[in-house]
Amino acid sequence: MVADINKTYTVLLELTARAISKERNDDDTVLSCGALSAEEWCSVYDAAVRGGVCALVWDAVQRLDKALWPPRELRLRWGVGASMIAAGYDDRKAKIFELTDRWAEAGIKTYCLKGLALSHYYPKPELRESGDFDCWLGGDFERGNEEAVSFGAKQLPHDYRHSVLMYKGMKVENHRYFLTIRGDKRNKSLEKYLREAIACDRRIDDSNLYYPSSMFHAMFLTMHALNHFLYEGIRLRHLCDWTCFVNAERENVDWDEFHKWCEMVGAARFVAAVNAICGQYLGFKVPESAVNSDNRYSERILIDTLEDWSRISGISDLWRYRMAKIRNIIASRWKFNEVYDRNFLSSIVRSVVGIVADPNPEI
């Protein structure tokens, strides 16, 4: 048990671990810490919402002995919120399949990044929260944008990494690049590798939407989480995604190759800490011989994740987003100096130089 984890977070992690486990047992009806007060339950609920695991944790709460349940008013609010998340999942999936069917008619193959693809590793896919549809259309990035607009989508301005399309109220991020490559030679090398590694012919629910390869997804999820961690922090959902994905796909990932790339791009310490957290709290079931695990940084990363204090993803204005990003870098410079292999000053310089000297990057 990490010393700084309070009762709220202890219960949150315990319930989250139960919710993402495909195994059910008699312990599901009890809490290791015993009954909670109404105030403590409100804190657990708030932390679950903040961590993007509201519906997941509610699923585990309902399996508790009724004597341990939250107050009725909170149960109603929590249950309604969880039901809306589940309903939103089905609606979003229908729109995604509709859009990818139309792209397929135009001869465009669509890969699903995160989101719907990851949800299928959960015991109940509809409980994984997701808002956007992240996709990769291979060499058809521009044509995909044009076709989507012809289908009725609206294209919104965004940065160099991906376009933003609004399709029937759903936000679609059509990726031109997987990584932040502007002014970054290491990430450009990994970007080339990922473009080759993504190839896969496995479809999601027999639709025209494809899973990426397991090797690609392991590396992409790592880099996506690392980028979030450095600039605004990760959420508990990121840890659940990693646990569920690796538990399901561990035999299909070349871990030696994975760790080689992690070392090359500076993600090794971050991955080892995340593995330690997921192993201790969330039911990560991978032999230590396959993955690296190190708890030196896990306590601080876990607290940062559960507090979730520096969210900037909702900022739509590009320059406001960039300034918020720089403020976060300064406030969280320990992440660069201790966990990443570049200090925060060089990261700020690289970011600024990239914008000026490499505005339209190529790989």
Protein backbone atom coordinates (compact mmCIF):
# COMPACT_ATOMS: atom_id res chain seq x y z
CA MET A 1 0.00 0.00 0.00
CA VAL A 2 1.36 3.42 -0.95
CA ALA A 3 1.58 5.58 2.16
CA ASP A 4 -0.02 8.69 0.62
CA ILE A 5 -3.09 6.88 -0.75
CA ASN A 6 -6.07 7.94 1.37
CA LYS A 7 -9.22 5.93 1.98
CA THR A 8 -11.05 7.46 -0.98
CA TYR A 9 -8.38 6.39 -3.43
CA THR A 10 -7.93 3.00 -1.80
CA VAL A 11 -11.62 2.22 -2.34
CA LEU A 12 -11.58 3.70 -5.85
CA LEU A 13 -8.66 1.50 -6.91
CA GLU A 14 -10.16 -1.58 -5.28
CA LEU A 15 -13.49 -1.15 -7.04
CA THR A 16 -11.82 -0.29 -10.36
CA ALA A 17 -9.72 -3.46 -10.19
CA ARG A 18 -12.86 -5.52 -9.65
CA ALA A 19 -14.68 -3.81 -12.52
CA ILE A 20 -11.97 -4.52 -15.11
CA SER A 21 -11.36 -8.09 -13.96
CA LYS A 22 -13.08 -10.84 -15.92
CA GLU A 23 -13.05 -12.97 -12.79
CA ARG A 24 -15.84 -12.74 -10.21
CA ASN A 25 -15.60 -14.05 -6.65
CA ASP A 26 -17.23 -13.76 -3.24
CA ASP A 27 -14.94 -10.86 -2.28
CA ASP A 28 -16.94 -8.65 -4.65
CA THR A 29 -19.56 -8.19 -1.94
CA VAL A 30 -17.19 -6.66 0.63
CA LEU A 31 -14.73 -3.79 0.89
CA SER A 32 -11.34 -4.38 2.46
CA CYS A 33 -11.63 -1.15 4.45
CA GLY A 34 -15.20 -1.74 5.61
CA ALA A 35 -18.14 0.67 5.42
CA LEU A 36 -17.78 4.25 4.14
CA SER A 37 -19.51 7.37 5.34
CA ALA A 38 -21.76 9.37 3.01
CA GLU A 39 -19.00 11.98 2.66
CA GLU A 40 -16.42 9.34 1.78
CA TRP A 41 -18.73 7.85 -0.85
CA CYS A 42 -19.15 11.30 -2.41
CA SER A 43 -15.35 11.59 -2.58
CA VAL A 44 -15.11 8.18 -4.27
CA TYR A 45 -17.76 9.20 -6.79
CA ASP A 46 -16.03 12.51 -7.56
CA ALA A 47 -12.69 10.75 -8.03
CA ALA A 48 -14.29 8.15 -10.32
CA VAL A 49 -15.81 10.87 -12.51
CA ARG A 50 -12.51 12.75 -12.55
CA GLY A 51 -10.66 9.59 -13.51
CA GLY A 52 -12.97 8.68 -16.39
CA VAL A 53 -14.16 5.48 -14.69
CA CYS A 54 -17.60 6.51 -13.42
CA ALA A 55 -19.55 3.70 -15.13
CA LEU A 56 -16.86 1.11 -14.43
CA VAL A 57 -16.78 1.77 -10.72
CA TRP A 58 -20.59 1.91 -10.51
CA ASP A 59 -20.68 -1.62 -11.92
CA ALA A 60 -18.49 -2.80 -9.03
CA VAL A 61 -20.44 -0.79 -6.44
CA GLN A 62 -23.64 -2.60 -7.39
CA ARG A 63 -22.04 -5.94 -6.51
CA LEU A 64 -21.33 -4.85 -2.94
CA ASP A 65 -23.46 -6.03 -0.05
CA LYS A 66 -26.35 -3.57 0.25
CA ALA A 67 -25.23 -2.63 3.75
CA LEU A 68 -22.13 -1.05 2.15
CA TRP A 69 -23.92 0.89 -0.60
CA PRO A 70 -23.67 4.69 -0.96
CA PRO A 71 -26.63 6.86 0.13
CA ARG A 72 -29.74 6.62 -2.07
CA GLU A 73 -29.38 10.10 -3.58
CA LEU A 74 -25.83 9.40 -4.69
CA ARG A 75 -26.81 5.97 -6.03
CA LEU A 76 -29.46 7.58 -8.22
CA ARG A 77 -27.07 10.20 -9.56
CA TRP A 78 -24.32 7.65 -10.13
CA GLY A 79 -26.65 5.15 -11.79
CA VAL A 80 -28.08 7.75 -14.18
CA GLY A 81 -24.58 8.89 -15.14
CA ALA A 82 -23.44 5.31 -15.77
CA SER A 83 -26.55 4.59 -17.86
CA MET A 84 -25.88 7.64 -20.01
CA ILE A 85 -22.30 6.49 -20.60
CA ALA A 86 -23.51 3.03 -21.68
CA ALA A 87 -26.17 4.51 -23.97
CA GLY A 88 -23.64 6.90 -25.46
CA TYR A 89 -21.37 3.96 -26.27
CA ASP A 90 -23.99 2.28 -28.45
CA ASP A 91 -24.88 5.53 -30.20
CA ARG A 92 -21.24 6.37 -30.87
CA LYS A 93 -20.50 2.87 -32.16
CA ALA A 94 -23.40 3.08 -34.61
CA LYS A 95 -22.11 6.41 -35.97
CA ILE A 96 -18.54 5.08 -36.20
CA PHE A 97 -19.64 2.03 -38.18
CA GLU A 98 -21.78 4.21 -40.44
CA LEU A 99 -18.86 6.55 -41.17
CA THR A 100 -16.37 3.73 -41.75
CA ASP A 101 -18.84 1.95 -44.04
CA ARG A 102 -18.98 5.06 -46.18
CA TRP A 103 -15.19 5.36 -46.19
CA ALA A 104 -14.99 1.67 -47.18
CA GLU A 105 -17.32 2.35 -50.11
CA ALA A 106 -14.79 4.96 -51.22
CA GLY A 107 -11.98 2.39 -50.96
CA ILE A 108 -10.55 3.69 -47.68
CA LYS A 109 -9.49 1.31 -44.91
CA THR A 110 -10.02 2.63 -41.36
CA TYR A 111 -8.01 1.61 -38.33
CA CYS A 112 -9.37 2.35 -34.85
CA LEU A 113 -6.92 3.92 -32.41
CA LYS A 114 -7.80 3.47 -28.72
CA GLY A 115 -11.52 4.00 -28.01
CA LEU A 116 -13.76 1.33 -29.47
CA ALA A 117 -10.86 -1.05 -30.10
CA LEU A 118 -9.74 -0.85 -26.47
CA SER A 119 -13.26 -1.20 -25.09
CA HIS A 120 -13.43 -4.78 -26.34
CA TYR A 121 -10.73 -5.77 -23.87
CA TYR A 122 -13.02 -4.81 -20.97
CA PRO A 123 -15.53 -7.27 -19.44
CA LYS A 124 -18.31 -4.83 -20.39
CA PRO A 125 -17.18 -2.68 -23.34
CA GLU A 126 -20.01 -0.18 -22.96
CA LEU A 127 -18.68 0.91 -19.55
CA ARG A 128 -15.43 2.29 -20.94
CA GLU A 129 -15.82 6.04 -21.32
CA SER A 130 -14.86 7.57 -24.62
CA GLY A 131 -15.70 10.78 -26.41
CA ASP A 132 -13.77 11.06 -29.66
CA PHE A 133 -13.22 8.59 -32.48
CA ASP A 134 -9.50 8.42 -33.26
CA CYS A 135 -8.70 6.78 -36.58
CA TRP A 136 -5.95 6.21 -39.13
CA LEU A 137 -6.68 6.06 -42.86
CA GLY A 138 -3.19 5.20 -44.05
CA GLY A 139 -2.24 7.21 -47.11
CA ASP A 140 -5.80 8.50 -47.48
CA PHE A 141 -5.68 11.26 -44.87
CA GLU A 142 -6.64 14.11 -47.20
CA ARG A 143 -9.08 12.05 -49.25
CA GLY A 144 -10.68 10.80 -46.05
CA ASN A 145 -11.29 14.38 -44.96
CA GLU A 146 -12.81 15.25 -48.33
CA GLU A 147 -15.02 12.18 -48.39
CA ALA A 148 -16.22 12.80 -44.84
CA VAL A 149 -17.19 16.36 -45.74
CA SER A 150 -19.12 14.99 -48.72
CA PHE A 151 -20.95 12.69 -46.26
CA GLY A 152 -22.06 15.74 -44.29
CA ALA A 153 -19.21 16.04 -41.77
CA LYS A 154 -17.82 19.43 -40.85
CA GLN A 155 -14.04 19.86 -40.83
CA LEU A 156 -12.65 22.09 -38.09
CA PRO A 157 -9.19 23.71 -38.00
CA HIS A 158 -6.61 21.93 -35.88
CA ASP A 159 -2.87 21.31 -35.62
CA TYR A 160 -0.60 19.29 -37.87
CA ARG A 161 -1.10 15.89 -36.16
CA HIS A 162 -4.71 15.27 -37.12
CA SER A 163 -7.82 16.81 -38.58
CA VAL A 164 -11.00 17.23 -36.55
CA LEU A 165 -14.26 16.20 -38.15
CA MET A 166 -17.72 16.57 -36.63
CA TYR A 167 -19.95 13.77 -37.92
CA LYS A 168 -23.54 13.80 -36.65
CA GLY A 169 -22.40 15.34 -33.37
CA MET A 170 -19.45 12.96 -32.92
CA LYS A 171 -15.90 14.31 -32.86
CA VAL A 172 -13.56 12.40 -35.16
CA GLU A 173 -9.77 12.79 -35.03
CA ASN A 174 -8.37 11.63 -38.35
CA HIS A 175 -4.66 11.19 -37.69
CA ARG A 176 -2.02 12.32 -40.13
CA TYR A 177 0.64 11.40 -37.58
CA PHE A 178 0.53 9.14 -34.54
CA LEU A 179 3.06 11.13 -32.50
CA THR A 180 4.21 14.67 -31.82
CA ILE A 181 7.01 14.64 -34.37
CA ARG A 182 7.59 18.35 -34.93
CA GLY A 183 11.29 19.00 -34.31
CA ASP A 184 11.77 15.54 -32.77
CA LYS A 185 14.04 13.07 -34.59
CA ARG A 186 13.39 10.25 -32.12
CA ASN A 187 9.64 10.44 -32.53
CA LYS A 188 10.01 10.65 -36.30
CA SER A 189 11.90 7.35 -36.25
CA LEU A 190 9.20 5.73 -34.15
CA GLU A 191 6.50 7.23 -36.39
CA LYS A 192 8.03 5.42 -39.38
CA TYR A 193 8.07 2.18 -37.45
CA LEU A 194 4.44 2.54 -36.33
CA ARG A 195 3.27 3.11 -39.90
CA GLU A 196 4.74 -0.25 -40.84
CA ALA A 197 3.63 -2.03 -37.66
CA ILE A 198 -0.05 -1.06 -37.74
CA ALA A 199 -1.09 -3.47 -40.52
CA CYS A 200 -3.81 -5.88 -39.38
CA ASP A 201 -6.82 -7.54 -41.02
CA ARG A 202 -8.86 -8.18 -37.87
CA ARG A 203 -12.19 -6.35 -37.93
CA ILE A 204 -14.19 -4.99 -35.02
CA ASP A 205 -17.57 -6.77 -34.86
CA ASP A 206 -17.31 -7.74 -38.54
CA SER A 207 -17.58 -4.07 -39.48
CA ASN A 208 -15.40 -2.07 -41.86
CA LEU A 209 -13.38 -0.84 -38.89
CA TYR A 210 -10.07 -2.58 -38.17
CA TYR A 211 -8.01 -3.22 -35.07
CA PRO A 212 -4.37 -2.13 -35.34
CA SER A 213 -1.78 -4.81 -34.70
CA SER A 214 -1.06 -5.64 -31.06
CA MET A 215 2.53 -4.46 -31.37
CA PHE A 216 1.44 -1.13 -32.80
CA HIS A 217 -1.20 -0.63 -30.12
CA ALA A 218 1.21 -1.38 -27.28
CA MET A 219 3.62 1.27 -28.52
CA PHE A 220 0.94 3.80 -29.47
CA LEU A 221 -0.84 3.52 -26.12
CA THR A 222 2.47 4.03 -24.34
CA MET A 223 3.36 7.14 -26.29
CA HIS A 224 -0.15 8.55 -26.03
CA ALA A 225 -0.13 8.08 -22.25
CA LEU A 226 3.42 9.46 -21.93
CA ASN A 227 2.44 12.60 -23.85
CA HIS A 228 -0.58 13.09 -21.58
CA PHE A 229 1.53 12.43 -18.48
CA LEU A 230 4.14 15.02 -19.39
CA TYR A 231 1.82 17.83 -20.41
CA GLU A 232 -1.38 17.41 -18.41
CA GLY A 233 -1.33 14.15 -16.51
CA ILE A 234 -2.97 10.80 -17.19
CA ARG A 235 -6.29 9.61 -15.82
CA LEU A 236 -7.18 6.37 -14.10
CA ARG A 237 -8.79 5.25 -17.36
CA HIS A 238 -5.35 5.22 -19.02
CA LEU A 239 -4.16 2.72 -16.40
CA CYS A 240 -7.27 0.57 -16.92
CA ASP A 241 -6.72 0.61 -20.68
CA TRP A 242 -3.14 -0.58 -20.29
CA THR A 243 -4.08 -3.32 -17.83
CA CYS A 244 -6.94 -4.67 -19.94
CA PHE A 245 -4.98 -4.45 -23.19
CA VAL A 246 -1.84 -6.19 -21.92
CA ASN A 247 -3.77 -8.88 -20.05
CA ALA A 248 -5.51 -9.75 -23.32
CA GLU A 249 -2.68 -9.25 -25.83
CA ARG A 250 0.48 -10.13 -23.87
CA GLU A 251 1.23 -13.15 -26.06
CA ASN A 252 0.99 -11.06 -29.24
CA VAL A 253 3.51 -8.36 -28.33
CA ASP A 254 7.23 -8.63 -28.95
CA TRP A 255 8.30 -7.26 -25.57
CA ASP A 256 11.99 -7.12 -26.44
CA GLU A 257 11.17 -4.92 -29.43
CA PHE A 258 8.76 -2.88 -27.33
CA HIS A 259 11.36 -2.17 -24.62
CA LYS A 260 13.97 -1.31 -27.24
CA TRP A 261 11.73 1.45 -28.60
CA CYS A 262 10.79 2.63 -25.11
CA GLU A 263 14.47 3.11 -24.28
CA MET A 264 15.07 4.91 -27.56
CA VAL A 265 12.27 7.46 -27.10
CA GLY A 266 12.70 7.99 -23.35
CA ALA A 267 9.57 6.14 -22.21
CA ALA A 268 11.26 3.30 -20.29
CA ARG A 269 11.00 4.71 -16.75
CA PHE A 270 7.40 5.80 -17.31
CA VAL A 271 6.39 2.35 -18.59
CA ALA A 272 8.13 0.57 -15.71
CA ALA A 273 6.33 2.77 -13.17
CA VAL A 274 2.94 2.26 -14.85
CA ASN A 275 3.53 -1.50 -14.87
CA ALA A 276 4.28 -1.37 -11.13
CA ILE A 277 1.08 0.59 -10.42
CA CYS A 278 -1.09 -1.70 -12.55
CA GLY A 279 0.49 -4.78 -11.00
CA GLN A 280 -0.05 -3.60 -7.44
CA TYR A 281 -3.56 -2.18 -7.79
CA LEU A 282 -5.35 -3.18 -10.98
CA GLY A 283 -4.71 -6.87 -11.62
CA PHE A 284 -1.94 -6.61 -14.22
CA LYS A 285 -1.15 -10.24 -15.07
CA VAL A 286 2.09 -10.28 -16.99
CA PRO A 287 5.25 -12.08 -15.84
CA GLU A 288 8.08 -9.76 -14.79
CA SER A 289 10.26 -11.59 -17.29
CA ALA A 290 8.11 -10.09 -20.08
CA VAL A 291 7.76 -6.48 -18.89
CA ASN A 292 9.86 -4.06 -16.90
CA SER A 293 8.47 -2.96 -13.54
CA ASP A 294 9.93 -0.34 -11.20
CA ASN A 295 8.18 1.30 -8.25
CA ARG A 296 10.69 4.15 -7.74
CA TYR A 297 8.36 6.64 -9.42
CA SER A 298 5.05 4.81 -9.10
CA GLU A 299 3.83 6.55 -5.92
CA ARG A 300 4.23 10.05 -7.30
CA ILE A 301 2.77 9.11 -10.69
CA LEU A 302 -0.23 7.44 -9.07
CA ILE A 303 -0.99 10.43 -6.84
CA ASP A 304 -0.63 12.78 -9.81
CA THR A 305 -3.02 10.57 -11.79
CA LEU A 306 -5.68 10.38 -9.09
CA GLU A 307 -5.56 14.11 -8.37
CA ASP A 308 -5.89 14.93 -12.11
CA TRP A 309 -5.21 18.62 -11.50
CA SER A 310 -3.82 19.91 -14.80
CA ARG A 311 -6.38 18.96 -17.47
CA ILE A 312 -6.02 21.02 -20.68
CA SER A 313 -7.58 18.70 -23.30
CA GLY A 314 -10.79 20.73 -23.36
CA ILE A 315 -9.07 23.96 -24.51
CA SER A 316 -10.07 24.50 -28.13
CA ASP A 317 -8.04 27.62 -28.95
CA LEU A 318 -4.65 26.42 -30.22
CA TRP A 319 -2.50 29.19 -28.71
CA ARG A 320 -4.26 29.07 -25.35
CA TYR A 321 -3.65 25.32 -25.39
CA ARG A 322 0.04 25.84 -26.14
CA MET A 323 0.45 28.36 -23.31
CA ALA A 324 -1.36 26.04 -20.88
CA LYS A 325 0.94 23.26 -22.01
CA ILE A 326 4.03 25.33 -21.22
CA ARG A 327 2.63 26.25 -17.79
CA ASN A 328 2.10 22.57 -17.08
CA ILE A 329 5.64 21.74 -18.16
CA ILE A 330 7.02 24.27 -15.68
CA ALA A 331 4.70 23.19 -12.86
CA SER A 332 5.42 19.49 -13.47
CA ARG A 333 9.10 19.70 -14.35
CA TRP A 334 9.81 16.69 -12.10
CA LYS A 335 8.14 14.53 -14.76
CA PHE A 336 10.77 15.56 -17.29
CA ASN A 337 13.73 15.65 -14.94
CA GLU A 338 13.01 12.34 -13.17
CA VAL A 339 10.77 10.16 -15.35
CA TYR A 340 11.45 11.34 -18.91
CA ASP A 341 15.00 11.57 -20.22
CA ARG A 342 14.81 15.23 -21.26
CA ASN A 343 14.64 18.08 -18.78
CA PHE A 344 11.79 20.54 -18.91
CA LEU A 345 13.86 23.46 -20.27
CA SER A 346 15.05 21.48 -23.29
CA SER A 347 11.49 20.28 -23.83
CA ILE A 348 10.16 23.85 -23.92
CA VAL A 349 12.93 24.90 -26.31
CA ARG A 350 12.32 21.90 -28.55
CA SER A 351 8.60 22.63 -28.63
CA VAL A 352 9.12 26.29 -29.56
CA VAL A 353 11.82 25.53 -32.14
CA GLY A 354 9.62 22.81 -33.63
CA ILE A 355 6.76 25.26 -34.16
CA VAL A 356 9.07 27.81 -35.82
CA ALA A 357 11.54 25.62 -37.72
CA ASP A 358 9.46 22.52 -38.48
CA PRO A 359 5.88 23.81 -38.92
CA ASN A 360 4.96 21.21 -41.55
CA PRO A 361 6.98 18.13 -40.57
CA GLU A 362 7.73 15.22 -42.85
CA ILE A 363 9.05 11.80 -41.96
